[in-house]
Amino acid sequence: MSNEIAFFAYLLEKYAEYKNENTADVLAKWEQSNLIEYIIQMYPMYHTERIENAFADIDRKM
């Protein structure tokens, strides 16, 4: 598993926890918003900053 995919899974779980939602529901929302590839491509930035910054960026994109 690549670092990007491992971090994506971690981010998905933490974001779902942050939103108090089921991970499957969050993943479905990200798919509907065409965010999955974007989030994976943002790995270089997301994994070096506070996770809340990633959450805020994802919220802006939704």
Protein backbone atom coordinates (compact mmCIF):
# COMPACT_ATOMS: atom_id res chain seq x y z
CA MET A 1 0.00 0.00 0.00
CA SER A 2 1.41 3.39 -0.94
CA ASN A 3 1.85 6.17 1.59
CA GLU A 4 -0.81 8.18 -0.23
CA ILE A 5 -3.42 5.44 0.05
CA ALA A 6 -2.55 4.67 3.66
CA PHE A 7 -2.90 8.35 4.53
CA PHE A 8 -6.16 8.56 2.57
CA ALA A 9 -7.60 5.76 4.73
CA TYR A 10 -6.38 7.49 7.89
CA LEU A 11 -7.81 10.83 6.76
CA LEU A 12 -11.13 9.23 5.87
CA GLU A 13 -11.44 7.69 9.33
CA LYS A 14 -10.43 10.89 11.13
CA TYR A 15 -12.69 13.07 8.99
CA ALA A 16 -15.66 10.76 9.63
CA GLU A 17 -14.92 10.91 13.35
CA TYR A 18 -14.62 14.73 13.17
CA LYS A 19 -18.01 14.93 11.39
CA ASN A 20 -19.54 12.20 13.59
CA GLU A 21 -20.48 10.25 10.48
CA ASN A 22 -19.99 6.73 9.18
CA THR A 23 -16.86 6.29 7.04
CA ALA A 24 -18.91 4.70 4.25
CA ASP A 25 -21.16 7.76 4.15
CA VAL A 26 -18.19 10.12 4.04
CA LEU A 27 -16.56 8.08 1.28
CA ALA A 28 -19.81 8.20 -0.71
CA LYS A 29 -19.96 11.99 -0.31
CA TRP A 30 -16.36 12.32 -1.42
CA GLU A 31 -17.08 10.13 -4.45
CA GLN A 32 -20.16 12.20 -5.37
CA SER A 33 -18.11 15.38 -5.07
CA ASN A 34 -15.26 13.93 -7.16
CA LEU A 35 -12.84 14.56 -4.29
CA ILE A 36 -11.06 11.23 -3.97
CA GLU A 37 -8.36 11.85 -6.57
CA TYR A 38 -7.97 15.43 -5.35
CA ILE A 39 -7.46 14.28 -1.75
CA ILE A 40 -4.92 11.67 -2.80
CA GLN A 41 -3.03 14.28 -4.85
CA MET A 42 -3.00 16.60 -1.84
CA TYR A 43 -1.03 14.05 0.22
CA PRO A 44 2.25 16.05 0.11
CA MET A 45 0.52 18.99 1.79
CA TYR A 46 -2.03 17.21 3.95
CA HIS A 47 0.39 14.90 5.71
CA THR A 48 2.73 17.72 6.72
CA GLU A 49 0.12 20.09 8.14
CA ARG A 50 -2.40 19.88 10.95
CA ILE A 51 -5.14 17.45 10.01
CA GLU A 52 -7.72 20.18 10.71
CA ASN A 53 -6.30 22.08 7.72
CA ALA A 54 -7.12 19.11 5.51
CA PHE A 55 -10.62 18.97 6.99
CA ALA A 56 -11.16 22.67 6.25
CA ASP A 57 -9.90 22.27 2.68
CA ILE A 58 -12.15 19.28 2.07
CA ASP A 59 -15.14 21.16 3.53
CA ARG A 60 -14.48 24.06 1.14
CA LYS A 61 -14.41 21.68 -1.82
CA MET A 62 -17.71 19.97 -0.93
